[in-house]
Amino acid sequence: MGAVCLLLWGVNMVSIGLNRAFGTILRRVISHSTSNRFKAFGVGIGVAAMLQSSTAACMIVSSFAARNVITITGAIAVMLGADVGTTLAAQFMSLDLDWLIPALIIAGYVVNKSMDASQYKHVGRSLVGLSLIFIALSMIKKVAGPIGHEGALETLIEPLASQPILAVILAALFTWFVHSSLGTVLLFMSFVHSGLVPVHLGLVLVLGANVGGAFAPVIMTLRDIPAGRRVPLGNLVMRAIGVVACLPFLKFIGPHIAELDPDPARQIVNFHTAFNFALALCFLPFIGPMTRLSEIILPDRAREEDESLPRYLDPTAFTTPPAALACVARETLRVSDIIQRMMRDTLEVLRTNNAHLMQSIRDQEAIVDALYESIKNYLARLSSQALDKQESKRYMQILTFSTNLEHIGDIIDRNLMEMAQKKIRNQDNFSRQGFAEISDLHHRVMDNMALAQNVFMTGDVKMARRLFEEKAVLRNQELLAADSHFKRLSEGVAETIATSSLHLDILRDLRRINSYVSLIAYPILEEAKALQPTRLKPSRTGRGRIRPGHAKKEPDESGSQDENDG
């Protein structure tokens, strides 16, 4: 049992390591691979051979199909190739390479430590995982031999040998449980090699492993939209048809497999490869009908798109942190677009007293809250992965920006819309000059929001500095607008008197929104050492004296720090 667990653990290490090292590249390749079915088939072979997992490949293409990145036809062709690709990985791991174990461990350690700042350090993890696979296979071969001569075990195996359907079902359930058809096939191969399981039963168990490997993605995508579920369903149907067609003729197929290589263990792996190649040859010409069948079984649901549901949070990307961070950054930008739409509509509500538009803004704020909750949960799951220094910085940047966007939504809903409701109820109107001041400040905030989006995506220091400087400019503009408002009050302008508190509160809230927007610049400027540690001058009384070794700093152009800074 220890050897079996070590084998499955090693397969998992290889798959995750290669996914983290090359997952982003492979995803890009898949997304551009479906121009024709033969190209998609070839890419599927390469991707699964790299990832060492057809399940991982299936989840990736399913998520792409759900978002219309690739067609269902192309995705099924990729899966036919991926099923073949995992058999090539099994071919390599079935070779007698025990002499490579020390070299793999040494190389894995050196690569992981020497490339600590690069995503390719995970290649080292895969090399160590590969060594664990060879160690586990060696352990199973040594331990399983004596067990095979136990009478009790023979009593258990004989019914399976005489009941192939039961053997297929049990093998499929075990493969689904461990989520690795590659690991299961290697395990059955080692059992056959040690004499624990006869060759003809091993072939039946391989068929069960193929069904179980296709069943796992079907379960994992049950909550997806129909487009995302069709790919694993089509893969399962094709494998099931292949197993049903192959099972009655297995006794005729076995001798031909033995002619290729008399070694019982090699027969298992060769049959696994031949079965999946045969499936590909049979179904590649009929991918169109298979796609239509999957659409009949899983038709599109007629429904309006729910904006509160995330569009870009790919649950299959967690094992590739750069891809997962790109997904959550894209969803955060979507929240930013909604916030900007709310801001534009807010000015229109303040200008026209449009109650219907005011309610629409509040509905959009509920969408922002729902998306922010999804982003937080996604980031929480991502935090369980091992992130390098740059990935951790990006993680915190995304979390901070999304949180600040949610705060801006709250300000719009709880403050600006409350004031708009009061203005509508009292049928108040701003003076012409007063609304022009609000409008000017609003436009500057909108410009800064667009600038903040660019800073968030690029991390550009020059744009971050400009965004930071804009904060001081906007604060001065707020003070000038307030002075102008008080001057109109002293002149007795009727509209100004009626909307005085509203006017000043709106100016304050626009400045608060801009403060949240500008926070995206802080970590970028801090990393570039472009920020002063403090704005306080040393106290004349001696208290708060600057400690030795700390330079005296002058206040910057933005004046005193407001409540949202820091």
Protein backbone atom coordinates (compact mmCIF):
# COMPACT_ATOMS: atom_id res chain seq x y z
CA MET A 1 0.00 0.00 0.00
CA GLY A 2 2.91 2.31 0.76
CA ALA A 3 4.36 1.67 -2.70
CA VAL A 4 0.99 2.26 -4.37
CA CYS A 5 0.58 5.58 -2.55
CA LEU A 6 4.15 6.57 -3.46
CA LEU A 7 3.43 5.77 -7.13
CA LEU A 8 0.29 7.92 -7.18
CA TRP A 9 2.08 10.71 -5.31
CA GLY A 10 4.95 10.63 -7.82
CA VAL A 11 2.56 10.83 -10.78
CA ASN A 12 0.84 13.79 -9.10
CA MET A 13 4.18 15.56 -8.51
CA VAL A 14 5.19 15.15 -12.15
CA SER A 15 1.83 16.42 -13.42
CA ILE A 16 1.66 19.46 -11.11
CA GLY A 17 5.31 20.36 -11.64
CA LEU A 18 5.05 20.33 -15.43
CA ASN A 19 1.70 22.14 -15.26
CA ARG A 20 3.24 24.98 -13.25
CA ALA A 21 6.32 25.15 -15.44
CA PHE A 22 4.66 24.98 -18.85
CA GLY A 23 0.91 25.30 -18.16
CA THR A 24 0.61 28.89 -19.41
CA ILE A 25 2.42 28.04 -22.65
CA LEU A 26 0.36 24.89 -23.17
CA ARG A 27 -2.89 26.77 -22.60
CA ARG A 28 -1.87 29.28 -25.25
CA VAL A 29 -0.99 26.47 -27.64
CA ILE A 30 -4.34 24.74 -27.06
CA SER A 31 -6.29 27.96 -27.65
CA HIS A 32 -4.67 28.30 -31.11
CA SER A 33 -4.70 24.62 -32.08
CA THR A 34 -8.19 23.93 -33.33
CA SER A 35 -8.04 25.23 -36.90
CA ASN A 36 -8.35 21.58 -38.02
CA ARG A 37 -8.91 18.28 -36.23
CA PHE A 38 -5.55 16.73 -37.13
CA LYS A 39 -3.62 19.70 -35.77
CA ALA A 40 -5.76 19.59 -32.62
CA PHE A 41 -5.11 15.86 -32.30
CA GLY A 42 -1.35 16.40 -32.53
CA VAL A 43 -1.44 19.20 -29.96
CA GLY A 44 -3.46 16.96 -27.63
CA ILE A 45 -0.76 14.28 -27.81
CA GLY A 46 1.95 16.80 -26.94
CA VAL A 47 0.00 18.50 -24.14
CA ALA A 48 -0.94 15.25 -22.37
CA ALA A 49 2.59 13.87 -22.77
CA MET A 50 3.87 17.07 -21.12
CA LEU A 51 1.26 17.25 -18.37
CA GLN A 52 1.28 13.47 -17.79
CA SER A 53 -2.49 13.68 -17.32
CA SER A 54 -5.38 13.42 -19.76
CA THR A 55 -7.67 14.61 -16.92
CA ALA A 56 -5.75 17.90 -16.67
CA ALA A 57 -5.91 18.30 -20.45
CA CYS A 58 -9.66 17.58 -20.44
CA MET A 59 -10.33 20.18 -17.75
CA ILE A 60 -8.35 22.81 -19.68
CA VAL A 61 -10.13 22.23 -23.01
CA SER A 62 -13.51 22.04 -21.22
CA SER A 63 -12.98 25.47 -19.66
CA PHE A 64 -11.92 26.86 -23.05
CA ALA A 65 -14.99 25.34 -24.73
CA ALA A 66 -17.26 26.80 -22.01
CA ARG A 67 -15.91 30.29 -22.80
CA ASN A 68 -16.02 29.79 -26.60
CA VAL A 69 -12.22 30.03 -26.84
CA ILE A 70 -12.21 26.81 -28.89
CA THR A 71 -14.97 24.84 -30.62
CA ILE A 72 -16.43 21.63 -29.19
CA THR A 73 -15.24 19.79 -32.32
CA GLY A 74 -11.68 21.01 -31.82
CA ALA A 75 -11.80 20.24 -28.09
CA ILE A 76 -12.87 16.62 -28.72
CA ALA A 77 -10.02 16.23 -31.23
CA VAL A 78 -7.60 17.54 -28.60
CA MET A 79 -8.95 14.95 -26.15
CA LEU A 80 -8.42 12.09 -28.61
CA GLY A 81 -4.81 13.21 -28.85
CA ALA A 82 -4.52 13.66 -25.08
CA ASP A 83 -5.65 10.07 -24.50
CA VAL A 84 -2.84 8.90 -26.78
CA GLY A 85 -0.37 11.28 -25.12
CA THR A 86 -0.80 9.72 -21.70
CA THR A 87 -0.07 6.28 -23.16
CA LEU A 88 3.28 7.59 -24.45
CA ALA A 89 4.07 8.77 -20.92
CA ALA A 90 3.19 5.28 -19.67
CA GLN A 91 5.51 3.78 -22.31
CA PHE A 92 8.42 5.84 -21.00
CA MET A 93 7.72 5.13 -17.33
CA SER A 94 7.39 1.40 -17.97
CA LEU A 95 11.03 1.18 -19.08
CA ASP A 96 13.58 -0.29 -16.67
CA LEU A 97 15.27 2.98 -15.69
CA ASP A 98 16.06 2.34 -12.02
CA TRP A 99 19.68 3.29 -12.71
CA LEU A 100 18.44 6.84 -13.45
CA ILE A 101 16.88 7.36 -10.00
CA PRO A 102 19.91 9.00 -8.29
CA ALA A 103 20.53 11.24 -11.33
CA LEU A 104 16.87 12.32 -11.41
CA ILE A 105 16.87 13.21 -7.71
CA ILE A 106 20.14 15.18 -7.99
CA ALA A 107 19.01 16.98 -11.16
CA GLY A 108 15.61 17.74 -9.64
CA TYR A 109 17.15 19.26 -6.51
CA VAL A 110 19.70 21.32 -8.47
CA VAL A 111 17.10 22.65 -10.95
CA ASN A 112 14.63 23.54 -8.17
CA LYS A 113 17.21 25.40 -6.09
CA SER A 114 19.17 27.06 -8.89
CA MET A 115 16.02 28.37 -10.64
CA ASP A 116 14.20 29.49 -7.50
CA ALA A 117 13.11 32.79 -9.07
CA SER A 118 11.79 31.16 -12.25
CA GLN A 119 8.64 29.18 -12.99
CA TYR A 120 10.90 26.49 -14.48
CA LYS A 121 12.03 25.52 -10.98
CA HIS A 122 8.97 23.25 -11.01
CA VAL A 123 10.74 21.09 -13.61
CA GLY A 124 12.93 20.01 -10.69
CA ARG A 125 9.85 18.95 -8.80
CA SER A 126 8.79 16.84 -11.79
CA LEU A 127 12.19 15.14 -11.98
CA VAL A 128 11.98 14.18 -8.30
CA GLY A 129 8.41 12.95 -8.87
CA LEU A 130 9.63 10.82 -11.78
CA SER A 131 12.26 9.25 -9.52
CA LEU A 132 9.54 8.45 -6.97
CA ILE A 133 7.54 6.67 -9.69
CA PHE A 134 10.50 4.44 -10.53
CA ILE A 135 11.16 3.79 -6.83
CA ALA A 136 7.50 2.88 -6.25
CA LEU A 137 7.37 0.56 -9.27
CA SER A 138 10.52 -1.18 -8.04
CA MET A 139 8.99 -1.59 -4.58
CA ILE A 140 5.76 -3.03 -5.97
CA LYS A 141 7.63 -5.57 -8.13
CA LYS A 142 9.64 -6.78 -5.13
CA VAL A 143 6.71 -6.95 -2.69
CA ALA A 144 3.91 -8.17 -4.97
CA GLY A 145 5.72 -11.35 -6.11
CA PRO A 146 5.45 -13.27 -2.81
CA ILE A 147 1.90 -12.02 -2.27
CA GLY A 148 0.87 -13.53 -5.61
CA HIS A 149 1.41 -17.04 -4.24
CA GLU A 150 -1.04 -16.56 -1.37
CA GLY A 151 -4.13 -18.76 -1.72
CA ALA A 152 -6.46 -16.09 -0.39
CA LEU A 153 -5.41 -13.65 -3.10
CA GLU A 154 -5.93 -16.23 -5.83
CA THR A 155 -9.45 -16.72 -4.47
CA LEU A 156 -10.10 -12.99 -4.93
CA ILE A 157 -8.55 -12.73 -8.40
CA GLU A 158 -10.20 -15.79 -10.01
CA PRO A 159 -13.74 -14.28 -10.00
CA LEU A 160 -12.39 -11.11 -11.63
CA ALA A 161 -10.69 -13.14 -14.34
CA SER A 162 -13.96 -14.95 -15.10
CA GLN A 163 -16.14 -11.82 -14.81
CA PRO A 164 -14.58 -9.21 -17.13
CA ILE A 165 -17.46 -6.75 -16.76
CA LEU A 166 -17.02 -6.73 -12.98
CA ALA A 167 -13.26 -6.24 -13.45
CA VAL A 168 -13.86 -3.29 -15.78
CA ILE A 169 -16.24 -1.67 -13.29
CA LEU A 170 -13.88 -2.12 -10.32
CA ALA A 171 -10.89 -0.80 -12.31
CA ALA A 172 -12.96 2.18 -13.49
CA LEU A 173 -14.06 3.00 -9.92
CA PHE A 174 -10.50 2.77 -8.62
CA THR A 175 -9.19 5.01 -11.43
CA TRP A 176 -11.92 7.56 -10.76
CA PHE A 177 -11.08 7.49 -7.05
CA VAL A 178 -7.36 8.20 -7.58
CA HIS A 179 -8.00 10.58 -10.54
CA SER A 180 -5.07 9.17 -12.53
CA SER A 181 -5.42 6.69 -15.37
CA LEU A 182 -1.64 6.88 -15.89
CA GLY A 183 -0.94 5.87 -12.29
CA THR A 184 -3.53 3.09 -12.44
CA VAL A 185 -2.14 1.62 -15.67
CA LEU A 186 1.39 1.66 -14.22
CA LEU A 187 0.05 -0.06 -11.11
CA PHE A 188 -1.67 -2.80 -13.12
CA MET A 189 1.50 -3.18 -15.19
CA SER A 190 3.58 -3.77 -12.05
CA PHE A 191 1.02 -6.31 -10.75
CA VAL A 192 1.25 -8.24 -14.01
CA HIS A 193 5.06 -8.06 -13.99
CA SER A 194 5.21 -9.59 -10.50
CA GLY A 195 2.71 -12.33 -11.36
CA LEU A 196 0.10 -10.98 -8.98
CA VAL A 197 -2.39 -10.54 -11.84
CA PRO A 198 -2.53 -12.66 -15.05
CA VAL A 199 -1.99 -10.89 -18.36
CA HIS A 200 -5.54 -11.40 -19.70
CA LEU A 201 -7.00 -9.87 -16.52
CA GLY A 202 -4.49 -7.03 -16.75
CA LEU A 203 -5.82 -6.18 -20.23
CA VAL A 204 -9.37 -6.06 -18.87
CA LEU A 205 -8.26 -3.81 -16.01
CA VAL A 206 -6.61 -1.45 -18.51
CA LEU A 207 -9.97 -1.08 -20.28
CA GLY A 208 -11.56 -0.21 -16.94
CA ALA A 209 -8.80 2.36 -16.29
CA ASN A 210 -9.59 4.04 -19.59
CA VAL A 211 -13.26 4.40 -18.66
CA GLY A 212 -12.45 5.60 -15.12
CA GLY A 213 -9.99 8.18 -16.43
CA ALA A 214 -12.72 9.64 -18.65
CA PHE A 215 -15.34 9.53 -15.89
CA ALA A 216 -13.46 11.83 -13.47
CA PRO A 217 -13.72 15.02 -15.64
CA VAL A 218 -17.45 14.36 -16.17
CA ILE A 219 -18.00 14.49 -12.40
CA MET A 220 -15.72 17.52 -11.98
CA THR A 221 -17.65 19.57 -14.57
CA LEU A 222 -21.20 18.79 -13.42
CA ARG A 223 -21.80 22.41 -12.37
CA ASP A 224 -20.47 23.91 -15.61
CA ILE A 225 -22.64 25.22 -18.42
CA PRO A 226 -23.53 22.65 -21.14
CA ALA A 227 -20.76 23.83 -23.51
CA GLY A 228 -18.14 23.02 -20.87
CA ARG A 229 -19.62 19.59 -20.07
CA ARG A 230 -19.84 18.32 -23.66
CA VAL A 231 -16.11 17.68 -24.04
CA PRO A 232 -15.68 15.29 -21.07
CA LEU A 233 -19.02 13.67 -21.95
CA GLY A 234 -17.92 13.08 -25.54
CA ASN A 235 -14.61 11.67 -24.32
CA LEU A 236 -16.41 9.30 -21.94
CA VAL A 237 -18.85 8.14 -24.66
CA MET A 238 -16.01 7.42 -27.08
CA ARG A 239 -14.03 5.43 -24.50
CA ALA A 240 -17.11 3.52 -23.37
CA ILE A 241 -17.96 2.59 -26.97
CA GLY A 242 -14.36 1.46 -27.45
CA VAL A 243 -14.41 -0.70 -24.32
CA VAL A 244 -17.74 -2.32 -25.22
CA ALA A 245 -16.49 -3.03 -28.76
CA CYS A 246 -13.11 -4.37 -27.60
CA LEU A 247 -14.13 -6.52 -24.63
CA PRO A 248 -15.71 -9.46 -26.58
CA PHE A 249 -12.64 -9.75 -28.84
CA LEU A 250 -10.02 -9.44 -26.10
CA LYS A 251 -9.05 -13.12 -26.28
CA PHE A 252 -8.22 -12.66 -29.98
CA ILE A 253 -6.41 -9.34 -29.42
CA GLY A 254 -4.21 -10.66 -26.59
CA PRO A 255 -2.05 -13.00 -28.74
CA HIS A 256 -1.33 -10.23 -31.27
CA ILE A 257 -0.22 -7.90 -28.44
CA ALA A 258 2.05 -10.68 -27.14
CA GLU A 259 3.69 -10.98 -30.57
CA LEU A 260 4.92 -7.38 -30.27
CA ASP A 261 6.69 -8.05 -26.96
CA PRO A 262 6.60 -11.25 -24.88
CA ASP A 263 7.24 -9.32 -21.64
CA PRO A 264 3.89 -9.38 -19.71
CA ALA A 265 4.40 -5.87 -18.33
CA ARG A 266 5.13 -4.45 -21.77
CA GLN A 267 2.01 -6.15 -23.13
CA ILE A 268 -0.13 -4.14 -20.70
CA VAL A 269 1.37 -0.81 -21.74
CA ASN A 270 1.38 -1.70 -25.45
CA PHE A 271 -2.30 -2.64 -25.28
CA HIS A 272 -3.07 0.67 -23.53
CA THR A 273 -1.36 2.56 -26.37
CA ALA A 274 -2.94 0.44 -29.13
CA PHE A 275 -6.43 0.86 -27.65
CA ASN A 276 -6.19 4.67 -27.60
CA PHE A 277 -4.64 4.87 -31.07
CA ALA A 278 -7.48 2.68 -32.36
CA LEU A 279 -10.04 4.99 -30.75
CA ALA A 280 -8.44 8.00 -32.39
CA LEU A 281 -8.43 6.35 -35.84
CA CYS A 282 -12.07 5.32 -35.48
CA PHE A 283 -13.48 8.58 -34.12
CA LEU A 284 -11.40 11.34 -35.79
CA PRO A 285 -13.49 11.09 -38.99
CA PHE A 286 -16.72 11.19 -36.96
CA ILE A 287 -16.03 14.10 -34.59
CA GLY A 288 -18.85 16.10 -36.20
CA PRO A 289 -21.56 13.53 -35.38
CA MET A 290 -20.06 13.10 -31.89
CA THR A 291 -20.31 16.86 -31.35
CA ARG A 292 -23.95 16.86 -32.45
CA LEU A 293 -24.68 13.92 -30.15
CA SER A 294 -23.20 15.79 -27.19
CA GLU A 295 -25.33 18.83 -28.07
CA ILE A 296 -28.46 16.64 -28.15
CA ILE A 297 -27.63 15.13 -24.76
CA LEU A 298 -26.61 18.51 -23.27
CA PRO A 299 -28.57 21.25 -25.11
CA ASP A 300 -27.90 24.91 -24.37
CA ARG A 301 -30.13 26.33 -21.68
CA ALA A 302 -32.20 29.30 -22.82
CA ARG A 303 -31.44 31.90 -20.19
CA GLU A 304 -30.33 35.48 -19.87
CA GLU A 305 -26.74 35.94 -18.88
CA ASP A 306 -26.36 36.53 -15.15
CA GLU A 307 -23.88 39.37 -14.73
CA SER A 308 -23.27 38.46 -11.10
CA LEU A 309 -21.62 35.18 -12.17
CA PRO A 310 -17.87 35.31 -12.87
CA ARG A 311 -16.79 34.81 -16.47
CA TYR A 312 -13.05 34.37 -16.27
CA LEU A 313 -12.35 32.50 -13.00
CA ASP A 314 -11.15 29.24 -14.49
CA PRO A 315 -11.19 26.54 -11.75
CA THR A 316 -8.72 24.40 -13.72
CA ALA A 317 -5.96 27.03 -13.60
CA PHE A 318 -5.00 26.69 -9.92
CA THR A 319 -2.10 24.34 -10.66
CA THR A 320 -0.66 27.03 -12.97
CA PRO A 321 -0.50 30.17 -10.76
CA PRO A 322 0.42 32.59 -13.61
CA ALA A 323 -2.65 31.45 -15.55
CA ALA A 324 -4.86 31.64 -12.43
CA LEU A 325 -3.59 35.16 -11.65
CA ALA A 326 -4.32 36.21 -15.24
CA CYS A 327 -7.87 34.85 -14.89
CA VAL A 328 -8.59 36.69 -11.63
CA ALA A 329 -6.97 39.90 -12.96
CA ARG A 330 -9.29 39.76 -15.96
CA GLU A 331 -12.32 39.31 -13.68
CA THR A 332 -11.12 42.25 -11.55
CA LEU A 333 -10.93 44.42 -14.67
CA ARG A 334 -14.52 43.41 -15.38
CA VAL A 335 -15.49 44.70 -11.92
CA SER A 336 -13.58 47.91 -12.69
CA ASP A 337 -15.60 48.35 -15.90
CA ILE A 338 -18.85 47.98 -13.93
CA ILE A 339 -17.64 50.54 -11.36
CA GLN A 340 -16.81 53.00 -14.15
CA ARG A 341 -20.28 52.49 -15.64
CA MET A 342 -21.79 53.18 -12.22
CA MET A 343 -19.71 56.36 -11.93
CA ARG A 344 -20.85 57.62 -15.37
CA ASP A 345 -24.48 56.92 -14.51
CA THR A 346 -24.07 58.66 -11.14
CA LEU A 347 -23.31 61.99 -12.80
CA GLU A 348 -26.38 61.54 -15.03
CA VAL A 349 -28.58 60.85 -11.99
CA LEU A 350 -27.28 63.97 -10.24
CA ARG A 351 -27.96 66.00 -13.38
CA THR A 352 -31.44 64.70 -14.31
CA ASN A 353 -32.90 63.27 -11.04
CA ASN A 354 -33.53 59.99 -12.88
CA ALA A 355 -34.91 57.58 -10.23
CA HIS A 356 -34.93 54.59 -12.59
CA LEU A 357 -31.22 55.04 -13.38
CA MET A 358 -30.51 55.42 -9.66
CA GLN A 359 -32.05 51.98 -9.00
CA SER A 360 -30.02 50.53 -11.88
CA ILE A 361 -26.83 51.76 -10.21
CA ARG A 362 -27.81 50.07 -6.97
CA ASP A 363 -28.51 46.84 -8.83
CA GLN A 364 -25.04 47.05 -10.37
CA GLU A 365 -23.53 47.47 -6.90
CA ALA A 366 -25.09 44.14 -5.91
CA ILE A 367 -23.36 42.60 -8.94
CA VAL A 368 -20.05 44.10 -7.81
CA ASP A 369 -20.51 42.58 -4.35
CA ALA A 370 -21.24 39.13 -5.82
CA LEU A 371 -18.24 39.26 -8.16
CA TYR A 372 -15.97 40.48 -5.37
CA GLU A 373 -17.05 37.51 -3.25
CA SER A 374 -16.19 35.16 -6.13
CA ILE A 375 -12.80 36.85 -6.58
CA LYS A 376 -12.05 36.55 -2.86
CA ASN A 377 -12.94 32.86 -2.83
CA TYR A 378 -10.85 32.23 -5.95
CA LEU A 379 -7.86 34.01 -4.43
CA ALA A 380 -8.31 32.08 -1.19
CA ARG A 381 -8.10 28.79 -3.11
CA LEU A 382 -5.10 30.08 -5.06
CA SER A 383 -3.28 30.98 -1.83
CA SER A 384 -2.98 27.27 -1.02
CA GLN A 385 -0.61 26.93 -3.98
CA ALA A 386 3.11 27.63 -3.65
CA LEU A 387 3.57 31.13 -5.13
CA ASP A 388 6.95 32.64 -5.89
CA LYS A 389 7.89 36.22 -4.95
CA GLN A 390 6.54 37.85 -8.11
CA GLU A 391 3.32 35.80 -8.01
CA SER A 392 2.78 36.77 -4.36
CA LYS A 393 3.16 40.45 -5.24
CA ARG A 394 0.68 40.13 -8.07
CA TYR A 395 -1.68 38.21 -5.78
CA MET A 396 -1.66 41.05 -3.21
CA GLN A 397 -2.02 43.68 -5.94
CA ILE A 398 -5.13 41.97 -7.32
CA LEU A 399 -6.63 41.48 -3.85
CA THR A 400 -6.00 45.12 -2.92
CA PHE A 401 -7.37 46.54 -6.19
CA SER A 402 -10.50 44.36 -6.11
CA THR A 403 -11.12 45.29 -2.45
CA ASN A 404 -10.77 49.01 -3.22
CA LEU A 405 -13.18 48.66 -6.14
CA GLU A 406 -15.71 47.05 -3.80
CA HIS A 407 -15.26 49.98 -1.38
CA ILE A 408 -15.89 52.42 -4.24
CA GLY A 409 -19.09 50.56 -5.05
CA ASP A 410 -20.18 50.97 -1.43
CA ILE A 411 -19.49 54.72 -1.53
CA ILE A 412 -21.55 55.09 -4.70
CA ASP A 413 -24.44 53.04 -3.30
CA ARG A 414 -24.55 54.15 0.34
CA ASN A 415 -23.42 57.75 -0.04
CA LEU A 416 -23.86 59.17 -3.53
CA MET A 417 -27.12 57.33 -4.25
CA GLU A 418 -28.50 58.28 -0.83
CA MET A 419 -27.78 61.91 -1.65
CA ALA A 420 -29.25 61.48 -5.13
CA GLN A 421 -32.41 60.02 -3.58
CA LYS A 422 -32.67 63.00 -1.23
CA LYS A 423 -32.16 65.41 -4.14
CA ILE A 424 -34.87 63.63 -6.17
CA ARG A 425 -37.26 63.61 -3.22
CA ASN A 426 -36.82 67.36 -2.60
CA GLN A 427 -36.64 68.16 -6.34
CA ASP A 428 -33.47 70.21 -5.74
CA ASN A 429 -31.13 71.37 -8.48
CA PHE A 430 -27.53 72.52 -8.35
CA SER A 431 -26.53 75.94 -9.58
CA ARG A 432 -25.03 75.98 -13.05
CA GLN A 433 -21.56 76.78 -11.73
CA GLY A 434 -21.92 74.27 -8.86
CA PHE A 435 -22.80 71.35 -11.14
CA ALA A 436 -19.95 72.32 -13.49
CA GLU A 437 -17.54 72.00 -10.54
CA ILE A 438 -18.95 68.58 -9.63
CA SER A 439 -18.80 67.52 -13.27
CA ASP A 440 -15.17 68.64 -13.65
CA LEU A 441 -14.14 66.76 -10.51
CA HIS A 442 -16.11 63.70 -11.66
CA HIS A 443 -14.40 63.69 -15.07
CA ARG A 444 -10.97 63.85 -13.42
CA VAL A 445 -11.87 60.88 -11.21
CA MET A 446 -13.03 58.94 -14.29
CA ASP A 447 -9.73 59.70 -16.05
CA ASN A 448 -7.84 58.49 -12.99
CA MET A 449 -9.90 55.28 -12.96
CA ALA A 450 -8.86 54.56 -16.54
CA LEU A 451 -5.26 55.35 -15.60
CA ALA A 452 -5.49 53.04 -12.58
CA GLN A 453 -6.64 50.19 -14.85
CA ASN A 454 -3.55 50.66 -17.00
CA VAL A 455 -1.31 50.76 -13.92
CA PHE A 456 -2.96 47.58 -12.63
CA MET A 457 -2.31 45.72 -15.88
CA THR A 458 1.18 47.02 -16.70
CA GLY A 459 2.76 47.97 -13.36
CA ASP A 460 4.36 50.94 -15.17
CA VAL A 461 6.21 53.23 -12.73
CA LYS A 462 5.71 56.40 -14.80
CA MET A 463 1.94 55.90 -14.97
CA ALA A 464 1.88 55.04 -11.25
CA ARG A 465 3.71 58.31 -10.48
CA ARG A 466 1.23 60.24 -12.62
CA LEU A 467 -1.70 58.60 -10.82
CA PHE A 468 -0.14 59.45 -7.45
CA GLU A 469 0.42 63.09 -8.51
CA GLU A 470 -3.17 63.30 -9.73
CA LYS A 471 -4.30 62.67 -6.17
CA ALA A 472 -2.80 65.97 -5.02
CA VAL A 473 -4.19 67.79 -8.07
CA LEU A 474 -7.69 66.47 -7.41
CA ARG A 475 -7.51 67.40 -3.73
CA ASN A 476 -6.58 70.97 -4.65
CA GLN A 477 -9.44 71.01 -7.17
CA GLU A 478 -11.82 69.88 -4.42
CA LEU A 479 -10.63 72.70 -2.13
CA LEU A 480 -11.07 75.27 -4.92
CA ALA A 481 -14.58 73.97 -5.65
CA ALA A 482 -15.46 74.19 -1.93
CA ASP A 483 -14.16 77.79 -1.74
CA SER A 484 -16.19 78.69 -4.80
CA HIS A 485 -19.25 77.08 -3.20
CA PHE A 486 -18.84 79.11 0.01
CA LYS A 487 -18.49 82.27 -2.07
CA ARG A 488 -21.82 81.57 -3.76
CA LEU A 489 -23.36 80.91 -0.36
CA SER A 490 -22.24 84.33 0.84
CA GLU A 491 -23.77 85.84 -2.31
CA GLY A 492 -27.10 84.17 -1.47
CA VAL A 493 -27.48 82.02 -4.61
CA ALA A 494 -30.75 80.14 -4.02
CA GLU A 495 -29.75 76.81 -5.62
CA THR A 496 -26.46 76.82 -3.71
CA ILE A 497 -28.23 77.35 -0.38
CA ALA A 498 -30.71 74.52 -1.09
CA THR A 499 -28.00 71.99 -2.08
CA SER A 500 -25.11 73.12 0.12
CA SER A 501 -24.67 69.95 2.20
CA LEU A 502 -25.23 67.72 -0.85
CA HIS A 503 -22.66 69.65 -2.85
CA LEU A 504 -19.91 69.42 -0.22
CA ASP A 505 -20.63 65.76 0.54
CA ILE A 506 -20.45 64.83 -3.16
CA LEU A 507 -17.11 66.61 -3.50
CA ARG A 508 -15.83 64.74 -0.45
CA ASP A 509 -17.01 61.36 -1.73
CA LEU A 510 -15.48 61.92 -5.17
CA ARG A 511 -12.18 62.67 -3.45
CA ARG A 512 -12.53 59.50 -1.33
CA ILE A 513 -13.19 57.44 -4.46
CA ASN A 514 -10.10 58.91 -6.08
CA SER A 515 -8.07 58.02 -2.98
CA TYR A 516 -9.08 54.36 -3.32
CA VAL A 517 -8.29 54.48 -7.04
CA SER A 518 -4.81 55.89 -6.44
CA LEU A 519 -3.87 53.17 -3.93
CA ILE A 520 -2.92 50.85 -6.82
CA ALA A 521 0.13 53.11 -7.38
CA TYR A 522 1.55 52.78 -3.86
CA PRO A 523 3.16 49.30 -3.96
CA ILE A 524 4.60 50.01 -7.43
CA LEU A 525 6.16 53.27 -6.29
CA GLU A 526 7.39 51.71 -3.06
CA GLU A 527 9.14 48.93 -4.97
CA ALA A 528 10.72 51.56 -7.23
CA LYS A 529 11.79 53.48 -4.07
CA ALA A 530 9.89 56.55 -5.34
CA LEU A 531 7.98 57.24 -2.08
CA GLN A 532 9.06 59.05 1.05
CA PRO A 533 8.60 57.10 4.33
CA THR A 534 6.80 59.99 6.10
CA ARG A 535 5.40 63.46 5.53
CA LEU A 536 5.96 64.63 9.13
CA LYS A 537 8.70 67.13 9.95
CA PRO A 538 10.71 66.47 13.16
CA SER A 539 9.06 67.94 16.29
CA ARG A 540 10.67 71.07 17.80
CA THR A 541 9.95 69.76 21.32
CA GLY A 542 12.15 66.72 20.74
CA ARG A 543 9.30 64.22 20.80
CA GLY A 544 9.03 62.29 17.58
CA ARG A 545 12.70 63.07 16.84
CA ILE A 546 13.99 61.24 13.79
CA ARG A 547 16.20 58.35 14.87
CA PRO A 548 19.84 58.24 13.77
CA GLY A 549 20.26 56.79 10.31
CA HIS A 550 16.85 58.05 9.12
CA ALA A 551 16.91 60.95 6.68
CA LYS A 552 14.75 64.00 7.23
CA LYS A 553 11.82 64.07 4.81
CA GLU A 554 9.86 67.07 3.59
CA PRO A 555 6.10 66.83 2.94
CA ASP A 556 5.28 66.10 -0.66
CA GLU A 557 3.12 68.13 -2.95
CA SER A 558 -0.13 66.51 -1.85
CA GLY A 559 -0.20 68.16 1.53
CA SER A 560 -1.64 66.43 4.61
CA GLN A 561 -2.58 62.77 4.42
CA ASP A 562 -6.29 62.08 4.16
CA GLU A 563 -8.15 59.27 5.84
CA ASN A 564 -7.84 56.82 2.95
CA ASP A 565 -4.06 57.04 2.46
CA GLY A 566 -1.49 54.52 3.69
